[in-house]
Amino acid sequence: MLHVLGTPDVNGDTVPDLWAIRADGSVRFYAGGRAAVVAGSGREVLPAKDYWKNRIAVG
């Protein structure tokens, strides 16, 4: 992954969540769990775009 950003709760379950930008420029959302984020549980929210490939930070 290119960038990972932890955020306050996004999906309403009171657990902080993660956003990730992959090397191909796609943006994925990972819902936080009570103990951990489950590998492979991410959901693509924006398809790959050159815009995200060129960012040096998110947040």
C-alpha atoms as a PDB file:
ATOM      1  CA  MET A   1       0.000   0.000   0.000  1.00  0.00           C
ATOM      2  CA  LEU A   2       1.127   3.483  -0.754  1.00  0.00           C
ATOM      3  CA  HIS A   3      -0.611   5.401   2.081  1.00  0.00           C
ATOM      4  CA  VAL A   4      -2.710   4.414   5.100  1.00  0.00           C
ATOM      5  CA  LEU A   5      -4.795   6.860   7.136  1.00  0.00           C
ATOM      6  CA  GLY A   6      -6.530   6.048  10.414  1.00  0.00           C
ATOM      7  CA  THR A   7      -9.746   7.982  10.977  1.00  0.00           C
ATOM      8  CA  PRO A   8     -12.425   8.310  13.600  1.00  0.00           C
ATOM      9  CA  ASP A   9     -15.460   6.088  13.094  1.00  0.00           C
ATOM     10  CA  VAL A  10     -16.867   6.412   9.573  1.00  0.00           C
ATOM     11  CA  ASN A  11     -19.464   3.626   9.447  1.00  0.00           C
ATOM     12  CA  GLY A  12     -21.264   4.233  12.755  1.00  0.00           C
ATOM     13  CA  ASP A  13     -20.023   1.265  14.817  1.00  0.00           C
ATOM     14  CA  THR A  14     -17.966   3.471  17.228  1.00  0.00           C
ATOM     15  CA  VAL A  15     -14.672   1.799  16.162  1.00  0.00           C
ATOM     16  CA  PRO A  16     -11.987   3.835  14.294  1.00  0.00           C
ATOM     17  CA  ASP A  17     -11.531   2.900  10.627  1.00  0.00           C
ATOM     18  CA  LEU A  18      -8.755   2.953   8.003  1.00  0.00           C
ATOM     19  CA  TRP A  19      -8.469   4.356   4.484  1.00  0.00           C
ATOM     20  CA  ALA A  20      -5.719   3.094   2.194  1.00  0.00           C
ATOM     21  CA  ILE A  21      -4.411   4.200  -1.156  1.00  0.00           C
ATOM     22  CA  ARG A  22      -2.900   1.322  -3.070  1.00  0.00           C
ATOM     23  CA  ALA A  23       0.045   1.613  -5.451  1.00  0.00           C
ATOM     24  CA  ASP A  24      -2.369   1.402  -8.425  1.00  0.00           C
ATOM     25  CA  GLY A  25      -4.148   4.562  -7.182  1.00  0.00           C
ATOM     26  CA  SER A  26      -7.319   2.873  -5.929  1.00  0.00           C
ATOM     27  CA  VAL A  27      -8.757   3.995  -2.579  1.00  0.00           C
ATOM     28  CA  ARG A  28      -9.967   1.309  -0.171  1.00  0.00           C
ATOM     29  CA  PHE A  29     -11.950   1.514   3.083  1.00  0.00           C
ATOM     30  CA  TYR A  30     -11.289  -0.907   5.943  1.00  0.00           C
ATOM     31  CA  ALA A  31     -13.816  -1.000   8.766  1.00  0.00           C
ATOM     32  CA  GLY A  32     -12.084  -1.274  12.119  1.00  0.00           C
ATOM     33  CA  GLY A  33     -12.847  -4.249  14.344  1.00  0.00           C
ATOM     34  CA  ARG A  34     -12.878  -4.550  18.124  1.00  0.00           C
ATOM     35  CA  ALA A  35      -9.546  -6.436  18.053  1.00  0.00           C
ATOM     36  CA  ALA A  36      -8.076  -5.845  14.564  1.00  0.00           C
ATOM     37  CA  VAL A  37      -8.768  -5.021  10.942  1.00  0.00           C
ATOM     38  CA  VAL A  38      -9.389  -8.289   9.096  1.00  0.00           C
ATOM     39  CA  ALA A  39      -6.953  -8.807   6.208  1.00  0.00           C
ATOM     40  CA  GLY A  40      -8.704  -8.715   2.856  1.00  0.00           C
ATOM     41  CA  SER A  41     -11.777  -7.022   4.329  1.00  0.00           C
ATOM     42  CA  GLY A  42     -11.193  -3.738   2.513  1.00  0.00           C
ATOM     43  CA  ARG A  43     -13.702  -2.387   0.032  1.00  0.00           C
ATOM     44  CA  GLU A  44     -12.717  -0.316  -2.991  1.00  0.00           C
ATOM     45  CA  VAL A  45     -14.451   3.061  -2.795  1.00  0.00           C
ATOM     46  CA  LEU A  46     -12.670   4.830  -5.669  1.00  0.00           C
ATOM     47  CA  PRO A  47     -11.214   3.102  -8.717  1.00  0.00           C
ATOM     48  CA  ALA A  48      -7.548   3.483  -9.653  1.00  0.00           C
ATOM     49  CA  LYS A  49      -6.710   7.045 -10.697  1.00  0.00           C
ATOM     50  CA  ASP A  50      -3.397   8.712 -11.459  1.00  0.00           C
ATOM     51  CA  TYR A  51      -4.362  11.547  -9.074  1.00  0.00           C
ATOM     52  CA  TRP A  52      -3.928   9.364  -5.991  1.00  0.00           C
ATOM     53  CA  LYS A  53      -0.685   7.813  -7.259  1.00  0.00           C
ATOM     54  CA  ASN A  54       0.985  11.227  -7.127  1.00  0.00           C
ATOM     55  CA  ARG A  55      -0.036  12.298  -3.596  1.00  0.00           C
ATOM     56  CA  ILE A  56       2.702  12.385  -0.973  1.00  0.00           C
ATOM     57  CA  ALA A  57       0.258  12.284   1.963  1.00  0.00           C
ATOM     58  CA  VAL A  58      -3.430  11.957   2.797  1.00  0.00           C
ATOM     59  CA  GLY A  59      -5.333  13.439   5.672  1.00  0.00           C
END
